[in-house]
Each structure stands twice: as C-alpha cells, then as structure tokens.
Amino acid sequence: MKNVHIFSLSLVMLFFSLAACGESEEERQARLQAYQDSLRAVEQAKVAEMMAQMQDSIDAAEAEEMPMEEEPESTSTGLVEDGNFVVQVGAWRSEEKAQSFVNKWADRNYPNAYVVKIGDEATGDVWFRVRVGDFNTKSEAENFGVELSSEINSGYWVATKN
C-alpha cells in the first residue's frame, strides 16, 4: 500500500512539474506579438489593395475624360440628335438605381437620358453613369446643366460623348 501511495504521489508531482514546464511569459508575449504582427500585415495588404483599386479607378476615369475643347457657338440651343457633349448628373454602383433616375427624367420630358457602364468587372470597379442629352457645344451643355441641377437639386458636369 505504501508503494501505491508513493507511486501516486510521484505521478502527481510529475504532472505538476510537466504543467509548470509550459511556455514562459516571454514566450507567450512573443507568440502574441507574432499573431498581432500577422493581423497587421493582413490589414495593411487589404488597405494597399483597396488603394490600388482606387488609383486604378482614378486612372481609368482620367484616361477616359479627354480635355474638352470649346466648340464654336451654334444657333441651336438645346438637345440635338448627335452632339459631342453631354451633361452627367450622377454615377452609381447599381445599374437599377441609375436606370430608375433615367426613367424618372424620361417622364419629365428628358428623353435623351441614358446610362453608360464604365469600369472593369474583373476588379469589381464598375460604375453606371447617368447622362442627359447630346449638345453641339460645351456652353449649351453647361446652360442645360445649370437648369437641370437647380431642378433636381444636384450637381452635374459636362463630359464629351463617348
């Protein structure tokens, strides 16, 4: 019986000595720091990817927007069938939302409203731009943009027709 108690006591002491041999506080801190560094690296990679996508979007928009040259004044004052300038009134990520604005403006006698899809589907950077009209000159488009923006309480910009 004495041997059983000594054996049991030896087992208990062995268990506690093994439990005490776990990682030290320094090792635990180093493991925690490595984990936090890994999380930080992943977050930085995500931010870098988002910034690259944003820059790609900006570069694509700048490449698409060519400098607008002022054309000579024409006697026409309004929408034409095949002009070089348009008034852009918004851009949305949702094609349905952009189309709903086009439908609204068609009901208000703006039949030349339409949606232009711009962007790269591979990166998910797609925009649906809502544009109105075709104008012969930039100034005609500007005048219409001022009128339209006051009516719909929104901004606008003049773009060349793509």
C-alpha atoms as a PDB file:
ATOM      1  CA  MET A   1       0.000   0.000   0.000  1.00  0.00           C
ATOM      2  CA  LYS A   2       2.889   2.265   0.821  1.00  0.00           C
ATOM      3  CA  ASN A   3       4.242   1.702  -2.690  1.00  0.00           C
ATOM      4  CA  VAL A   4       0.888   2.697  -4.194  1.00  0.00           C
ATOM      5  CA  HIS A   5       0.918   5.987  -2.252  1.00  0.00           C
ATOM      6  CA  ILE A   6       4.483   6.721  -3.274  1.00  0.00           C
ATOM      7  CA  PHE A   7       3.645   5.884  -6.883  1.00  0.00           C
ATOM      8  CA  SER A   8       0.537   8.117  -6.780  1.00  0.00           C
ATOM      9  CA  LEU A   9       2.492  10.910  -5.169  1.00  0.00           C
ATOM     10  CA  SER A  10       5.197  10.538  -7.827  1.00  0.00           C
ATOM     11  CA  LEU A  11       2.585  10.735 -10.576  1.00  0.00           C
ATOM     12  CA  VAL A  12       1.071  13.897  -9.082  1.00  0.00           C
ATOM     13  CA  MET A  13       4.495  15.522  -8.765  1.00  0.00           C
ATOM     14  CA  LEU A  14       5.337  14.523 -12.346  1.00  0.00           C
ATOM     15  CA  PHE A  15       2.067  16.043 -13.572  1.00  0.00           C
ATOM     16  CA  PHE A  16       2.686  19.347 -11.764  1.00  0.00           C
ATOM     17  CA  SER A  17       6.280  19.540 -12.926  1.00  0.00           C
ATOM     18  CA  LEU A  18       5.177  18.982 -16.530  1.00  0.00           C
ATOM     19  CA  ALA A  19       2.434  21.600 -16.187  1.00  0.00           C
ATOM     20  CA  ALA A  20       4.989  24.060 -14.847  1.00  0.00           C
ATOM     21  CA  CYS A  21       7.131  23.470 -17.934  1.00  0.00           C
ATOM     22  CA  GLY A  22       4.649  25.301 -20.216  1.00  0.00           C
ATOM     23  CA  GLU A  23       5.616  28.396 -22.157  1.00  0.00           C
ATOM     24  CA  SER A  24       7.171  31.227 -20.222  1.00  0.00           C
ATOM     25  CA  GLU A  25       5.667  34.694 -20.072  1.00  0.00           C
ATOM     26  CA  GLU A  26       8.247  35.893 -22.604  1.00  0.00           C
ATOM     27  CA  GLU A  27       7.333  33.097 -24.999  1.00  0.00           C
ATOM     28  CA  ARG A  28       3.639  33.858 -24.601  1.00  0.00           C
ATOM     29  CA  GLN A  29       4.267  37.565 -25.283  1.00  0.00           C
ATOM     30  CA  ALA A  30       6.383  36.722 -28.335  1.00  0.00           C
ATOM     31  CA  ARG A  31       3.646  34.428 -29.683  1.00  0.00           C
ATOM     32  CA  LEU A  32       1.003  37.117 -29.091  1.00  0.00           C
ATOM     33  CA  GLN A  33       3.188  39.754 -30.785  1.00  0.00           C
ATOM     34  CA  ALA A  34       3.721  37.489 -33.803  1.00  0.00           C
ATOM     35  CA  TYR A  35      -0.043  36.969 -34.062  1.00  0.00           C
ATOM     36  CA  GLN A  36      -0.701  40.723 -33.891  1.00  0.00           C
ATOM     37  CA  ASP A  37       2.006  41.385 -36.482  1.00  0.00           C
ATOM     38  CA  SER A  38       0.379  38.842 -38.776  1.00  0.00           C
ATOM     39  CA  LEU A  39      -3.031  40.513 -38.395  1.00  0.00           C
ATOM     40  CA  ARG A  40      -1.486  43.915 -39.039  1.00  0.00           C
ATOM     41  CA  ALA A  41       0.236  42.641 -42.197  1.00  0.00           C
ATOM     42  CA  VAL A  42      -3.072  41.255 -43.496  1.00  0.00           C
ATOM     43  CA  GLU A  43      -4.854  44.560 -42.797  1.00  0.00           C
ATOM     44  CA  GLN A  44      -2.066  46.522 -44.490  1.00  0.00           C
ATOM     45  CA  ALA A  45      -2.316  44.251 -47.534  1.00  0.00           C
ATOM     46  CA  LYS A  46      -6.086  44.849 -47.676  1.00  0.00           C
ATOM     47  CA  VAL A  47      -5.613  48.610 -47.439  1.00  0.00           C
ATOM     48  CA  ALA A  48      -2.903  48.535 -50.113  1.00  0.00           C
ATOM     49  CA  GLU A  49      -5.200  46.529 -52.398  1.00  0.00           C
ATOM     50  CA  MET A  50      -8.079  48.965 -51.855  1.00  0.00           C
ATOM     51  CA  MET A  51      -5.788  51.925 -52.526  1.00  0.00           C
ATOM     52  CA  ALA A  52      -4.519  50.271 -55.725  1.00  0.00           C
ATOM     53  CA  GLN A  53      -8.111  49.674 -56.872  1.00  0.00           C
ATOM     54  CA  MET A  54      -8.997  53.285 -56.091  1.00  0.00           C
ATOM     55  CA  GLN A  55      -5.956  54.518 -58.022  1.00  0.00           C
ATOM     56  CA  ASP A  56      -6.865  52.244 -60.939  1.00  0.00           C
ATOM     57  CA  SER A  57     -10.361  53.725 -60.924  1.00  0.00           C
ATOM     58  CA  ILE A  58      -8.989  57.265 -60.868  1.00  0.00           C
ATOM     59  CA  ASP A  59      -6.517  56.469 -63.657  1.00  0.00           C
ATOM     60  CA  ALA A  60      -9.276  54.908 -65.770  1.00  0.00           C
ATOM     61  CA  ALA A  61     -11.522  57.929 -65.233  1.00  0.00           C
ATOM     62  CA  GLU A  62      -8.714  60.334 -66.123  1.00  0.00           C
ATOM     63  CA  ALA A  63      -7.839  58.323 -69.229  1.00  0.00           C
ATOM     64  CA  GLU A  64     -11.479  58.308 -70.243  1.00  0.00           C
ATOM     65  CA  GLU A  65     -12.037  62.014 -69.670  1.00  0.00           C
ATOM     66  CA  MET A  66     -10.328  63.775 -72.519  1.00  0.00           C
ATOM     67  CA  PRO A  67      -9.865  67.522 -72.334  1.00  0.00           C
ATOM     68  CA  MET A  68     -12.904  69.258 -73.690  1.00  0.00           C
ATOM     69  CA  GLU A  69     -12.308  71.783 -76.388  1.00  0.00           C
ATOM     70  CA  GLU A  70     -14.663  74.666 -76.706  1.00  0.00           C
ATOM     71  CA  GLU A  71     -16.547  74.424 -79.946  1.00  0.00           C
ATOM     72  CA  PRO A  72     -17.831  77.447 -81.810  1.00  0.00           C
ATOM     73  CA  GLU A  73     -21.252  78.663 -80.783  1.00  0.00           C
ATOM     74  CA  SER A  74     -24.079  77.287 -82.831  1.00  0.00           C
ATOM     75  CA  THR A  75     -27.502  78.711 -83.424  1.00  0.00           C
ATOM     76  CA  SER A  76     -29.083  75.653 -81.778  1.00  0.00           C
ATOM     77  CA  THR A  77     -29.901  75.959 -78.095  1.00  0.00           C
ATOM     78  CA  GLY A  78     -30.646  72.573 -76.652  1.00  0.00           C
ATOM     79  CA  LEU A  79     -30.668  68.899 -77.235  1.00  0.00           C
ATOM     80  CA  VAL A  80     -29.568  67.675 -80.639  1.00  0.00           C
ATOM     81  CA  GLU A  81     -29.539  64.257 -82.214  1.00  0.00           C
ATOM     82  CA  ASP A  82     -25.787  63.685 -82.412  1.00  0.00           C
ATOM     83  CA  GLY A  83     -23.770  66.229 -80.433  1.00  0.00           C
ATOM     84  CA  ASN A  84     -20.349  65.912 -78.851  1.00  0.00           C
ATOM     85  CA  PHE A  85     -21.201  66.983 -75.295  1.00  0.00           C
ATOM     86  CA  VAL A  86     -23.433  65.519 -72.567  1.00  0.00           C
ATOM     87  CA  VAL A  87     -24.433  66.501 -69.053  1.00  0.00           C
ATOM     88  CA  GLN A  88     -23.622  63.858 -66.473  1.00  0.00           C
ATOM     89  CA  VAL A  89     -25.842  64.075 -63.410  1.00  0.00           C
ATOM     90  CA  GLY A  90     -24.686  61.121 -61.363  1.00  0.00           C
ATOM     91  CA  ALA A  91     -22.877  57.816 -61.089  1.00  0.00           C
ATOM     92  CA  TRP A  92     -23.967  54.797 -59.105  1.00  0.00           C
ATOM     93  CA  ARG A  93     -22.668  51.301 -58.438  1.00  0.00           C
ATOM     94  CA  SER A  94     -26.164  49.901 -59.036  1.00  0.00           C
ATOM     95  CA  GLU A  95     -27.430  49.724 -62.600  1.00  0.00           C
ATOM     96  CA  GLU A  96     -31.016  49.533 -61.334  1.00  0.00           C
ATOM     97  CA  LYS A  97     -30.652  52.761 -59.358  1.00  0.00           C
ATOM     98  CA  ALA A  98     -29.099  54.558 -62.328  1.00  0.00           C
ATOM     99  CA  GLN A  99     -31.861  53.302 -64.623  1.00  0.00           C
ATOM    100  CA  SER A 100     -34.552  54.445 -62.168  1.00  0.00           C
ATOM    101  CA  PHE A 101     -33.183  58.002 -62.430  1.00  0.00           C
ATOM    102  CA  VAL A 102     -33.210  57.763 -66.227  1.00  0.00           C
ATOM    103  CA  ASN A 103     -36.835  56.609 -66.128  1.00  0.00           C
ATOM    104  CA  LYS A 104     -37.744  59.498 -63.830  1.00  0.00           C
ATOM    105  CA  TRP A 105     -36.193  62.035 -66.187  1.00  0.00           C
ATOM    106  CA  ALA A 106     -37.824  60.471 -69.232  1.00  0.00           C
ATOM    107  CA  ASP A 107     -41.169  61.150 -67.517  1.00  0.00           C
ATOM    108  CA  ARG A 108     -40.099  64.803 -67.146  1.00  0.00           C
ATOM    109  CA  ASN A 109     -39.566  65.252 -70.886  1.00  0.00           C
ATOM    110  CA  TYR A 110     -35.843  64.472 -70.875  1.00  0.00           C
ATOM    111  CA  PRO A 111     -35.980  61.696 -73.466  1.00  0.00           C
ATOM    112  CA  ASN A 112     -32.237  61.811 -74.123  1.00  0.00           C
ATOM    113  CA  ALA A 113     -31.310  60.449 -70.663  1.00  0.00           C
ATOM    114  CA  TYR A 114     -29.282  57.232 -70.673  1.00  0.00           C
ATOM    115  CA  VAL A 115     -26.907  55.066 -68.628  1.00  0.00           C
ATOM    116  CA  VAL A 116     -23.251  54.425 -69.510  1.00  0.00           C
ATOM    117  CA  LYS A 117     -21.439  51.498 -67.902  1.00  0.00           C
ATOM    118  CA  ILE A 118     -17.824  52.352 -67.035  1.00  0.00           C
ATOM    119  CA  GLY A 119     -15.181  50.295 -65.266  1.00  0.00           C
ATOM    120  CA  ASP A 120     -13.592  46.897 -65.000  1.00  0.00           C
ATOM    121  CA  GLU A 121     -15.792  43.982 -63.962  1.00  0.00           C
ATOM    122  CA  ALA A 122     -12.721  41.878 -63.187  1.00  0.00           C
ATOM    123  CA  THR A 123     -11.817  44.182 -60.302  1.00  0.00           C
ATOM    124  CA  GLY A 124     -15.430  44.923 -59.387  1.00  0.00           C
ATOM    125  CA  ASP A 125     -14.884  48.609 -60.065  1.00  0.00           C
ATOM    126  CA  VAL A 126     -17.965  49.272 -62.193  1.00  0.00           C
ATOM    127  CA  TRP A 127     -19.963  52.498 -62.275  1.00  0.00           C
ATOM    128  CA  PHE A 128     -23.201  53.340 -64.045  1.00  0.00           C
ATOM    129  CA  ARG A 129     -23.147  56.980 -65.129  1.00  0.00           C
ATOM    130  CA  VAL A 130     -26.378  58.797 -65.893  1.00  0.00           C
ATOM    131  CA  ARG A 131     -26.102  61.270 -68.723  1.00  0.00           C
ATOM    132  CA  VAL A 132     -28.585  63.554 -70.428  1.00  0.00           C
ATOM    133  CA  GLY A 133     -28.574  64.868 -73.940  1.00  0.00           C
ATOM    134  CA  ASP A 134     -26.375  65.489 -76.821  1.00  0.00           C
ATOM    135  CA  PHE A 135     -25.269  69.077 -77.244  1.00  0.00           C
ATOM    136  CA  ASN A 136     -23.338  70.703 -80.054  1.00  0.00           C
ATOM    137  CA  THR A 137     -21.263  72.915 -77.771  1.00  0.00           C
ATOM    138  CA  LYS A 138     -19.909  72.819 -74.284  1.00  0.00           C
ATOM    139  CA  SER A 139     -21.680  76.067 -73.402  1.00  0.00           C
ATOM    140  CA  GLU A 140     -25.079  74.649 -74.409  1.00  0.00           C
ATOM    141  CA  ALA A 141     -24.401  71.649 -72.182  1.00  0.00           C
ATOM    142  CA  GLU A 142     -23.317  73.964 -69.340  1.00  0.00           C
ATOM    143  CA  ASN A 143     -26.510  76.014 -69.637  1.00  0.00           C
ATOM    144  CA  PHE A 144     -28.639  72.879 -69.587  1.00  0.00           C
ATOM    145  CA  GLY A 145     -26.644  71.501 -66.632  1.00  0.00           C
ATOM    146  CA  VAL A 146     -27.299  74.650 -64.598  1.00  0.00           C
ATOM    147  CA  GLU A 147     -31.013  74.432 -65.356  1.00  0.00           C
ATOM    148  CA  LEU A 148     -31.227  70.713 -64.629  1.00  0.00           C
ATOM    149  CA  SER A 149     -29.157  70.844 -61.438  1.00  0.00           C
ATOM    150  CA  SER A 150     -31.406  73.538 -59.963  1.00  0.00           C
ATOM    151  CA  GLU A 151     -34.464  71.448 -60.854  1.00  0.00           C
ATOM    152  CA  ILE A 152     -33.197  68.198 -59.358  1.00  0.00           C
ATOM    153  CA  ASN A 153     -31.147  69.837 -56.583  1.00  0.00           C
ATOM    154  CA  SER A 154     -27.965  68.031 -57.546  1.00  0.00           C
ATOM    155  CA  GLY A 155     -24.597  68.632 -59.115  1.00  0.00           C
ATOM    156  CA  TYR A 156     -23.593  67.970 -62.713  1.00  0.00           C
ATOM    157  CA  TRP A 157     -20.634  68.093 -65.020  1.00  0.00           C
ATOM    158  CA  VAL A 158     -20.176  68.336 -68.744  1.00  0.00           C
ATOM    159  CA  ALA A 159     -18.434  65.467 -70.471  1.00  0.00           C
ATOM    160  CA  THR A 160     -17.553  64.583 -74.018  1.00  0.00           C
ATOM    161  CA  LYS A 161     -19.755  61.944 -75.513  1.00  0.00           C
ATOM    162  CA  ASN A 162     -18.129  58.525 -75.598  1.00  0.00           C
END
